[in-house]
Amino acid sequence: MNTPLVGNCWKYDDNVDTDVIIPARYLNTSDEKELAKHCLEDIDTTFAQEVKQGDIIVAGENFGCGSSREHAPIAIKASGVSVVIAKSFARIFFRNAINIGLPILEHKDAADDAQKGDLISVDLQNGVIKNISKNKEYRCEKFPPEIQDLIAQGGLVNYTKKKLEKSGV
């Protein structure tokens, strides 16, 4: 069954790099909960304390640029964010996010129209973003079924385990 992801919008500008998503001073841990405590603190001191499970990050161009650290999407996902919508993503961040099961969608108009606090709904299966607060709907390219399954499984590791179990390996 397809259940839309619904949450409040956290809005950021262009070029949010991995160094501000999770500052380097916290890379001495791989504990997801510890990373979440410091997510985005260098550009938004309120985020880690106020983000709620299911909330949605909306940003401008080139989200996740900078170093290729996997800690960045892990910190975002561990903070409770259900999906990131941006005008565009740095390619390595895009891949790292998918690998850990963090859905990310590109849509220029949805990113431009959103404001902090807007209620956003995302239907990953059908590629539909709704800004409920503004009564606007946007269509975006949906992920192929295999990637949707990978995200639903929580990432590449769980997806691979499931595939191996099914094959009897």
N, C-alpha and C. Protein backbone atom coordinates (compact mmCIF):
# COMPACT_ATOMS: atom_id res chain seq x y z
N MET A 1 0.84 -1.18 0.00
CA MET A 1 0.00 0.00 0.00
C MET A 1 0.88 1.25 0.00
N ASN A 2 0.53 2.21 -0.75
CA ASN A 2 1.29 3.44 -0.88
C ASN A 2 0.76 4.49 0.09
N THR A 3 1.60 4.88 1.03
CA THR A 3 1.22 5.91 1.99
C THR A 3 2.07 7.14 1.73
N PRO A 4 1.45 8.29 1.49
CA PRO A 4 2.25 9.50 1.27
C PRO A 4 3.05 9.88 2.51
N LEU A 5 4.20 10.49 2.27
CA LEU A 5 5.01 11.04 3.34
C LEU A 5 4.51 12.46 3.56
N VAL A 6 4.22 12.81 4.79
CA VAL A 6 3.66 14.13 5.09
C VAL A 6 4.44 14.75 6.24
N GLY A 7 4.85 16.00 6.04
CA GLY A 7 5.57 16.68 7.11
C GLY A 7 5.68 18.16 6.85
N ASN A 8 6.19 18.86 7.83
CA ASN A 8 6.41 20.30 7.71
C ASN A 8 7.72 20.57 7.00
N CYS A 9 7.74 21.66 6.27
CA CYS A 9 8.88 22.04 5.45
C CYS A 9 9.95 22.78 6.25
N TRP A 10 11.19 22.36 6.03
CA TRP A 10 12.38 23.08 6.49
C TRP A 10 13.04 23.58 5.22
N LYS A 11 13.12 24.88 5.03
CA LYS A 11 13.55 25.46 3.76
C LYS A 11 14.98 25.99 3.83
N TYR A 12 15.78 25.62 2.82
CA TYR A 12 17.18 26.07 2.74
C TYR A 12 17.49 26.53 1.32
N ASP A 13 18.56 27.31 1.20
CA ASP A 13 18.95 27.90 -0.07
C ASP A 13 19.79 26.95 -0.92
N ASP A 14 20.47 27.52 -1.90
CA ASP A 14 21.37 26.77 -2.79
C ASP A 14 22.65 26.37 -2.07
N ASN A 15 23.30 25.34 -2.61
CA ASN A 15 24.65 24.93 -2.21
C ASN A 15 24.79 24.58 -0.73
N VAL A 16 23.82 23.88 -0.19
CA VAL A 16 23.95 23.37 1.17
C VAL A 16 24.90 22.18 1.08
N ASP A 17 26.10 22.38 1.62
CA ASP A 17 27.11 21.32 1.44
C ASP A 17 27.14 20.35 2.62
N THR A 18 27.83 19.25 2.40
CA THR A 18 27.87 18.19 3.41
C THR A 18 28.55 18.66 4.69
N ASP A 19 29.40 19.69 4.59
CA ASP A 19 30.08 20.22 5.78
C ASP A 19 29.12 20.97 6.69
N VAL A 20 28.03 21.51 6.17
CA VAL A 20 27.04 22.13 7.05
C VAL A 20 25.91 21.16 7.39
N ILE A 21 25.71 20.15 6.56
CA ILE A 21 24.71 19.14 6.91
C ILE A 21 25.17 18.40 8.17
N ILE A 22 26.43 17.97 8.18
CA ILE A 22 27.04 17.41 9.39
C ILE A 22 28.48 17.88 9.44
N PRO A 23 28.76 18.85 10.31
CA PRO A 23 30.10 19.42 10.39
C PRO A 23 31.18 18.37 10.67
N ALA A 24 32.35 18.58 10.11
CA ALA A 24 33.47 17.63 10.21
C ALA A 24 33.83 17.30 11.65
N ARG A 25 33.61 18.23 12.57
CA ARG A 25 33.98 17.98 13.97
C ARG A 25 33.17 16.83 14.60
N TYR A 26 32.13 16.39 13.93
CA TYR A 26 31.31 15.28 14.44
C TYR A 26 31.52 13.98 13.68
N LEU A 27 32.48 13.94 12.80
CA LEU A 27 32.69 12.74 11.99
C LEU A 27 33.45 11.64 12.72
N ASN A 28 33.75 11.86 13.99
CA ASN A 28 34.44 10.83 14.76
C ASN A 28 33.46 9.78 15.30
N THR A 29 32.19 9.89 14.93
CA THR A 29 31.21 8.90 15.34
C THR A 29 30.41 8.44 14.13
N SER A 30 29.93 7.23 14.20
CA SER A 30 29.00 6.75 13.18
C SER A 30 27.63 6.48 13.80
N ASP A 31 27.47 6.86 15.08
CA ASP A 31 26.21 6.70 15.78
C ASP A 31 25.17 7.65 15.17
N GLU A 32 24.14 7.08 14.57
CA GLU A 32 23.14 7.86 13.86
C GLU A 32 22.44 8.88 14.76
N LYS A 33 22.13 8.48 15.98
CA LYS A 33 21.45 9.41 16.90
C LYS A 33 22.35 10.59 17.26
N GLU A 34 23.63 10.33 17.42
CA GLU A 34 24.57 11.41 17.73
C GLU A 34 24.71 12.35 16.54
N LEU A 35 24.78 11.79 15.34
CA LEU A 35 24.86 12.62 14.13
C LEU A 35 23.62 13.50 13.99
N ALA A 36 22.45 12.92 14.27
CA ALA A 36 21.19 13.66 14.16
C ALA A 36 21.17 14.88 15.10
N LYS A 37 21.80 14.78 16.25
CA LYS A 37 21.83 15.89 17.21
C LYS A 37 22.53 17.12 16.65
N HIS A 38 23.37 16.93 15.62
CA HIS A 38 24.16 18.03 15.08
C HIS A 38 23.82 18.35 13.63
N CYS A 39 22.78 17.72 13.11
CA CYS A 39 22.41 17.91 11.71
C CYS A 39 22.05 19.38 11.45
N LEU A 40 22.69 19.95 10.47
CA LEU A 40 22.44 21.32 9.99
C LEU A 40 22.70 22.42 11.02
N GLU A 41 23.38 22.12 12.12
CA GLU A 41 23.52 23.11 13.18
C GLU A 41 24.32 24.35 12.76
N ASP A 42 25.18 24.23 11.76
CA ASP A 42 25.96 25.40 11.35
C ASP A 42 25.19 26.38 10.46
N ILE A 43 24.03 25.98 9.95
CA ILE A 43 23.21 26.93 9.19
C ILE A 43 21.83 27.13 9.82
N ASP A 44 21.46 26.27 10.77
CA ASP A 44 20.16 26.38 11.42
C ASP A 44 20.26 25.79 12.82
N THR A 45 20.48 26.63 13.79
CA THR A 45 20.67 26.16 15.16
C THR A 45 19.41 25.54 15.76
N THR A 46 18.26 25.74 15.14
CA THR A 46 17.01 25.20 15.68
C THR A 46 16.65 23.83 15.11
N PHE A 47 17.24 23.46 13.98
CA PHE A 47 16.80 22.27 13.26
C PHE A 47 16.82 21.01 14.13
N ALA A 48 17.97 20.65 14.66
CA ALA A 48 18.11 19.36 15.37
C ALA A 48 17.17 19.26 16.57
N GLN A 49 16.87 20.38 17.22
CA GLN A 49 15.99 20.34 18.38
C GLN A 49 14.51 20.37 18.00
N GLU A 50 14.19 20.95 16.85
CA GLU A 50 12.78 21.17 16.53
C GLU A 50 12.23 20.28 15.42
N VAL A 51 13.08 19.63 14.65
CA VAL A 51 12.60 18.78 13.57
C VAL A 51 11.74 17.65 14.16
N LYS A 52 10.69 17.32 13.47
CA LYS A 52 9.78 16.24 13.90
C LYS A 52 9.87 15.08 12.92
N GLN A 53 9.57 13.91 13.42
CA GLN A 53 9.55 12.71 12.57
C GLN A 53 8.62 12.97 11.39
N GLY A 54 9.13 12.74 10.17
CA GLY A 54 8.33 12.92 8.98
C GLY A 54 8.50 14.26 8.30
N ASP A 55 9.16 15.22 8.96
CA ASP A 55 9.36 16.52 8.34
C ASP A 55 10.15 16.39 7.04
N ILE A 56 10.10 17.44 6.23
CA ILE A 56 10.66 17.41 4.88
C ILE A 56 11.59 18.60 4.68
N ILE A 57 12.77 18.34 4.15
CA ILE A 57 13.69 19.41 3.79
C ILE A 57 13.44 19.78 2.34
N VAL A 58 13.35 21.08 2.08
CA VAL A 58 13.21 21.60 0.72
C VAL A 58 14.34 22.61 0.52
N ALA A 59 15.06 22.48 -0.59
CA ALA A 59 16.23 23.34 -0.79
C ALA A 59 16.37 23.73 -2.26
N GLY A 60 17.36 24.58 -2.50
CA GLY A 60 17.63 25.07 -3.84
C GLY A 60 18.52 24.14 -4.64
N GLU A 61 19.40 24.73 -5.42
CA GLU A 61 20.31 23.99 -6.30
C GLU A 61 21.45 23.35 -5.51
N ASN A 62 21.93 22.21 -6.03
CA ASN A 62 23.19 21.60 -5.62
C ASN A 62 23.20 21.17 -4.15
N PHE A 63 22.09 20.67 -3.66
CA PHE A 63 22.02 20.21 -2.27
C PHE A 63 22.96 19.03 -2.08
N GLY A 64 23.74 19.07 -1.01
CA GLY A 64 24.65 17.96 -0.70
C GLY A 64 25.99 18.04 -1.41
N CYS A 65 26.34 19.23 -1.90
CA CYS A 65 27.64 19.39 -2.56
C CYS A 65 28.75 19.27 -1.51
N GLY A 66 29.98 19.25 -1.96
CA GLY A 66 31.11 19.15 -1.05
C GLY A 66 31.65 17.75 -0.98
N SER A 67 32.15 17.37 0.18
CA SER A 67 32.77 16.05 0.32
C SER A 67 31.72 14.95 0.19
N SER A 68 32.20 13.76 -0.05
CA SER A 68 31.29 12.65 -0.35
C SER A 68 30.86 11.87 0.89
N ARG A 69 30.98 12.47 2.04
CA ARG A 69 30.71 11.74 3.28
C ARG A 69 29.29 11.18 3.35
N GLU A 70 29.20 9.92 3.72
CA GLU A 70 27.90 9.27 3.88
C GLU A 70 27.20 9.76 5.14
N HIS A 71 27.95 10.36 6.05
CA HIS A 71 27.36 10.85 7.29
C HIS A 71 26.25 11.87 7.04
N ALA A 72 26.35 12.62 5.93
CA ALA A 72 25.38 13.69 5.67
C ALA A 72 23.95 13.14 5.49
N PRO A 73 23.71 12.23 4.55
CA PRO A 73 22.34 11.72 4.45
C PRO A 73 21.94 10.89 5.66
N ILE A 74 22.90 10.25 6.31
CA ILE A 74 22.57 9.48 7.52
C ILE A 74 22.06 10.42 8.61
N ALA A 75 22.73 11.57 8.80
CA ALA A 75 22.30 12.54 9.81
C ALA A 75 20.90 13.06 9.51
N ILE A 76 20.64 13.33 8.24
CA ILE A 76 19.31 13.82 7.85
C ILE A 76 18.24 12.77 8.14
N LYS A 77 18.48 11.55 7.70
CA LYS A 77 17.50 10.49 7.90
C LYS A 77 17.30 10.22 9.39
N ALA A 78 18.39 10.16 10.15
CA ALA A 78 18.31 9.88 11.58
C ALA A 78 17.60 11.00 12.34
N SER A 79 17.59 12.20 11.78
CA SER A 79 16.90 13.31 12.45
C SER A 79 15.38 13.19 12.31
N GLY A 80 14.92 12.28 11.46
CA GLY A 80 13.48 12.07 11.28
C GLY A 80 12.94 12.58 9.96
N VAL A 81 13.78 13.22 9.15
CA VAL A 81 13.33 13.75 7.86
C VAL A 81 12.92 12.57 6.97
N SER A 82 11.75 12.69 6.35
CA SER A 82 11.23 11.59 5.53
C SER A 82 11.65 11.69 4.07
N VAL A 83 11.93 12.91 3.60
CA VAL A 83 12.30 13.10 2.19
C VAL A 83 12.96 14.47 2.05
N VAL A 84 13.85 14.58 1.07
CA VAL A 84 14.45 15.87 0.73
C VAL A 84 14.04 16.20 -0.70
N ILE A 85 13.55 17.42 -0.88
CA ILE A 85 13.17 17.92 -2.20
C ILE A 85 14.10 19.10 -2.49
N ALA A 86 14.72 19.10 -3.66
CA ALA A 86 15.60 20.22 -4.02
C ALA A 86 15.51 20.46 -5.51
N LYS A 87 16.00 21.63 -5.92
CA LYS A 87 16.07 21.92 -7.36
C LYS A 87 17.04 20.97 -8.03
N SER A 88 18.16 20.67 -7.35
CA SER A 88 19.12 19.68 -7.84
C SER A 88 19.97 19.20 -6.68
N PHE A 89 20.60 18.04 -6.87
CA PHE A 89 21.46 17.43 -5.86
C PHE A 89 22.85 17.20 -6.44
N ALA A 90 23.84 17.28 -5.57
CA ALA A 90 25.17 16.82 -5.96
C ALA A 90 25.06 15.31 -6.19
N ARG A 91 25.68 14.83 -7.24
CA ARG A 91 25.52 13.42 -7.63
C ARG A 91 25.92 12.43 -6.55
N ILE A 92 27.05 12.66 -5.85
CA ILE A 92 27.46 11.70 -4.84
C ILE A 92 26.49 11.70 -3.67
N PHE A 93 25.95 12.86 -3.30
CA PHE A 93 24.94 12.91 -2.25
C PHE A 93 23.70 12.14 -2.70
N PHE A 94 23.29 12.34 -3.93
CA PHE A 94 22.12 11.64 -4.48
C PHE A 94 22.29 10.13 -4.29
N ARG A 95 23.44 9.61 -4.70
CA ARG A 95 23.68 8.16 -4.60
C ARG A 95 23.75 7.71 -3.15
N ASN A 96 24.45 8.47 -2.30
CA ASN A 96 24.55 8.10 -0.89
C ASN A 96 23.17 8.10 -0.22
N ALA A 97 22.33 9.06 -0.56
CA ALA A 97 20.99 9.12 0.02
C ALA A 97 20.18 7.89 -0.37
N ILE A 98 20.19 7.55 -1.64
CA ILE A 98 19.46 6.36 -2.09
C ILE A 98 20.01 5.11 -1.41
N ASN A 99 21.33 5.01 -1.31
CA ASN A 99 21.95 3.83 -0.71
C ASN A 99 21.53 3.61 0.74
N ILE A 100 21.21 4.68 1.46
CA ILE A 100 20.79 4.50 2.85
C ILE A 100 19.26 4.55 3.00
N GLY A 101 18.56 4.70 1.88
CA GLY A 101 17.10 4.67 1.92
C GLY A 101 16.45 6.00 2.24
N LEU A 102 17.16 7.11 1.97
CA LEU A 102 16.58 8.44 2.16
C LEU A 102 16.05 8.92 0.82
N PRO A 103 14.73 9.03 0.66
CA PRO A 103 14.18 9.49 -0.62
C PRO A 103 14.52 10.95 -0.89
N ILE A 104 14.89 11.22 -2.13
CA ILE A 104 15.19 12.58 -2.55
C ILE A 104 14.55 12.80 -3.91
N LEU A 105 13.98 13.99 -4.08
CA LEU A 105 13.29 14.31 -5.33
C LEU A 105 13.74 15.68 -5.83
N GLU A 106 13.86 15.81 -7.13
CA GLU A 106 14.20 17.08 -7.74
C GLU A 106 12.96 17.71 -8.37
N HIS A 107 12.69 18.95 -7.97
CA HIS A 107 11.59 19.69 -8.60
C HIS A 107 11.79 21.18 -8.34
N LYS A 108 12.06 21.93 -9.39
CA LYS A 108 12.36 23.36 -9.27
C LYS A 108 11.18 24.15 -8.70
N ASP A 109 10.00 23.99 -9.26
CA ASP A 109 8.85 24.79 -8.82
C ASP A 109 8.44 24.46 -7.39
N ALA A 110 8.44 23.17 -7.04
CA ALA A 110 8.09 22.79 -5.67
C ALA A 110 9.07 23.42 -4.68
N ALA A 111 10.35 23.44 -5.05
CA ALA A 111 11.36 24.05 -4.18
C ALA A 111 11.18 25.57 -4.11
N ASP A 112 10.90 26.20 -5.23
CA ASP A 112 10.71 27.66 -5.24
C ASP A 112 9.49 28.09 -4.43
N ASP A 113 8.41 27.34 -4.54
CA ASP A 113 7.15 27.74 -3.92
C ASP A 113 7.08 27.48 -2.42
N ALA A 114 7.85 26.51 -1.93
CA ALA A 114 7.76 26.10 -0.52
C ALA A 114 8.36 27.15 0.40
N GLN A 115 7.77 27.24 1.57
CA GLN A 115 8.29 28.11 2.63
C GLN A 115 8.37 27.29 3.91
N LYS A 116 9.25 27.70 4.80
CA LYS A 116 9.39 27.01 6.08
C LYS A 116 8.03 26.92 6.77
N GLY A 117 7.72 25.72 7.23
CA GLY A 117 6.46 25.49 7.93
C GLY A 117 5.33 25.00 7.06
N ASP A 118 5.45 25.12 5.73
CA ASP A 118 4.40 24.60 4.85
C ASP A 118 4.23 23.11 5.10
N LEU A 119 3.00 22.63 5.02
CA LEU A 119 2.73 21.21 5.12
C LEU A 119 2.87 20.61 3.72
N ILE A 120 3.77 19.63 3.58
CA ILE A 120 4.09 19.01 2.30
C ILE A 120 3.74 17.53 2.35
N SER A 121 3.22 17.02 1.24
CA SER A 121 2.92 15.60 1.09
C SER A 121 3.67 15.09 -0.14
N VAL A 122 4.26 13.91 -0.02
CA VAL A 122 5.00 13.32 -1.13
C VAL A 122 4.53 11.89 -1.34
N ASP A 123 4.09 11.60 -2.55
CA ASP A 123 3.70 10.26 -2.97
C ASP A 123 4.83 9.73 -3.84
N LEU A 124 5.73 8.96 -3.25
CA LEU A 124 6.90 8.45 -3.98
C LEU A 124 6.51 7.51 -5.11
N GLN A 125 5.51 6.67 -4.86
CA GLN A 125 5.11 5.68 -5.85
C GLN A 125 4.63 6.32 -7.14
N ASN A 126 3.94 7.45 -7.02
CA ASN A 126 3.38 8.10 -8.20
C ASN A 126 4.10 9.37 -8.63
N GLY A 127 5.12 9.77 -7.88
CA GLY A 127 5.89 10.96 -8.23
C GLY A 127 5.08 12.24 -8.10
N VAL A 128 4.38 12.40 -6.96
CA VAL A 128 3.54 13.58 -6.75
C VAL A 128 3.96 14.27 -5.45
N ILE A 129 4.23 15.56 -5.57
CA ILE A 129 4.52 16.41 -4.42
C ILE A 129 3.34 17.36 -4.28
N LYS A 130 2.80 17.49 -3.07
CA LYS A 130 1.72 18.45 -2.82
C LYS A 130 2.15 19.39 -1.71
N ASN A 131 2.03 20.67 -1.99
CA ASN A 131 2.19 21.66 -0.93
C ASN A 131 0.77 21.93 -0.44
N ILE A 132 0.41 21.26 0.63
CA ILE A 132 -0.94 21.33 1.16
C ILE A 132 -1.27 22.75 1.62
N SER A 133 -0.28 23.43 2.21
CA SER A 133 -0.49 24.79 2.70
C SER A 133 -0.84 25.76 1.58
N LYS A 134 -0.28 25.52 0.40
CA LYS A 134 -0.50 26.43 -0.73
C LYS A 134 -1.48 25.86 -1.76
N ASN A 135 -1.98 24.64 -1.50
CA ASN A 135 -2.90 23.97 -2.41
C ASN A 135 -2.32 23.86 -3.82
N LYS A 136 -1.05 23.42 -3.89
CA LYS A 136 -0.39 23.23 -5.18
C LYS A 136 0.11 21.80 -5.29
N GLU A 137 0.08 21.29 -6.51
CA GLU A 137 0.54 19.92 -6.78
C GLU A 137 1.58 19.94 -7.88
N TYR A 138 2.60 19.10 -7.73
CA TYR A 138 3.70 19.03 -8.70
C TYR A 138 3.95 17.57 -9.04
N ARG A 139 4.23 17.32 -10.29
CA ARG A 139 4.59 15.97 -10.74
C ARG A 139 6.09 15.93 -10.96
N CYS A 140 6.70 14.86 -10.52
CA CYS A 140 8.13 14.69 -10.74
C CYS A 140 8.40 13.26 -11.21
N GLU A 141 9.60 13.05 -11.67
CA GLU A 141 9.96 11.72 -12.13
C GLU A 141 10.01 10.78 -10.94
N LYS A 142 9.27 9.70 -11.03
CA LYS A 142 9.27 8.74 -9.92
C LYS A 142 10.42 7.75 -10.10
N PHE A 143 10.83 7.16 -9.00
CA PHE A 143 11.89 6.17 -9.05
C PHE A 143 11.37 4.87 -9.67
N PRO A 144 12.25 4.13 -10.35
CA PRO A 144 11.85 2.82 -10.85
C PRO A 144 11.48 1.90 -9.67
N PRO A 145 10.71 0.86 -9.93
CA PRO A 145 10.26 -0.03 -8.85
C PRO A 145 11.40 -0.58 -7.98
N GLU A 146 12.53 -0.90 -8.58
CA GLU A 146 13.64 -1.45 -7.80
C GLU A 146 14.17 -0.44 -6.79
N ILE A 147 14.25 0.83 -7.19
CA ILE A 147 14.74 1.87 -6.28
C ILE A 147 13.67 2.17 -5.23
N GLN A 148 12.40 2.14 -5.62
CA GLN A 148 11.33 2.33 -4.63
C GLN A 148 11.40 1.22 -3.57
N ASP A 149 11.67 -0.01 -4.02
CA ASP A 149 11.79 -1.14 -3.09
C ASP A 149 13.02 -0.95 -2.19
N LEU A 150 14.13 -0.51 -2.77
CA LEU A 150 15.35 -0.26 -2.00
C LEU A 150 15.08 0.77 -0.90
N ILE A 151 14.39 1.85 -1.23
CA ILE A 151 14.06 2.88 -0.25
C ILE A 151 13.11 2.30 0.82
N ALA A 152 12.11 1.55 0.38
CA ALA A 152 11.16 0.95 1.32
C ALA A 152 11.83 -0.01 2.29
N GLN A 153 12.90 -0.67 1.84
CA GLN A 153 13.64 -1.61 2.68
C GLN A 153 14.60 -0.90 3.64
N GLY A 154 14.74 0.41 3.48
CA GLY A 154 15.61 1.17 4.38
C GLY A 154 17.03 1.32 3.88
N GLY A 155 17.27 0.95 2.62
CA GLY A 155 18.59 1.15 2.05
C GLY A 155 19.15 -0.08 1.38
N LEU A 156 20.32 0.09 0.82
CA LEU A 156 20.96 -0.95 0.01
C LEU A 156 21.30 -2.21 0.81
N VAL A 157 21.76 -2.06 2.04
CA VAL A 157 22.14 -3.22 2.85
C VAL A 157 20.92 -4.11 3.10
N ASN A 158 19.83 -3.52 3.57
CA ASN A 158 18.61 -4.31 3.83
C ASN A 158 18.03 -4.87 2.54
N TYR A 159 18.06 -4.09 1.48
CA TYR A 159 17.56 -4.54 0.18
C TYR A 159 18.34 -5.76 -0.30
N THR A 160 19.66 -5.71 -0.16
CA THR A 160 20.50 -6.82 -0.60
C THR A 160 20.26 -8.06 0.25
N LYS A 161 20.14 -7.88 1.56
CA LYS A 161 19.85 -9.01 2.46
C LYS A 161 18.55 -9.70 2.05
N LYS A 162 17.52 -8.90 1.75
CA LYS A 162 16.22 -9.45 1.35
C LYS A 162 16.35 -10.24 0.05
N LYS A 163 17.08 -9.67 -0.91
CA LYS A 163 17.28 -10.36 -2.20
C LYS A 163 18.01 -11.68 -1.98
N LEU A 164 19.02 -11.68 -1.14
CA LEU A 164 19.77 -12.91 -0.87
C LEU A 164 18.90 -13.96 -0.17
N GLU A 165 18.08 -13.51 0.78
CA GLU A 165 17.17 -14.43 1.46
C GLU A 165 16.20 -15.07 0.49
N LYS A 166 15.66 -14.25 -0.42
CA LYS A 166 14.72 -14.77 -1.42
C LYS A 166 15.37 -15.78 -2.36
N SER A 167 16.65 -15.56 -2.65
CA SER A 167 17.34 -16.47 -3.58
C SER A 167 17.89 -17.71 -2.87
N GLY A 168 17.77 -17.73 -1.54
CA GLY A 168 18.23 -18.90 -0.79
C GLY A 168 19.72 -18.91 -0.51
N VAL A 169 20.38 -17.79 -0.72
CA VAL A 169 21.83 -17.72 -0.45
C VAL A 169 22.09 -17.45 1.00
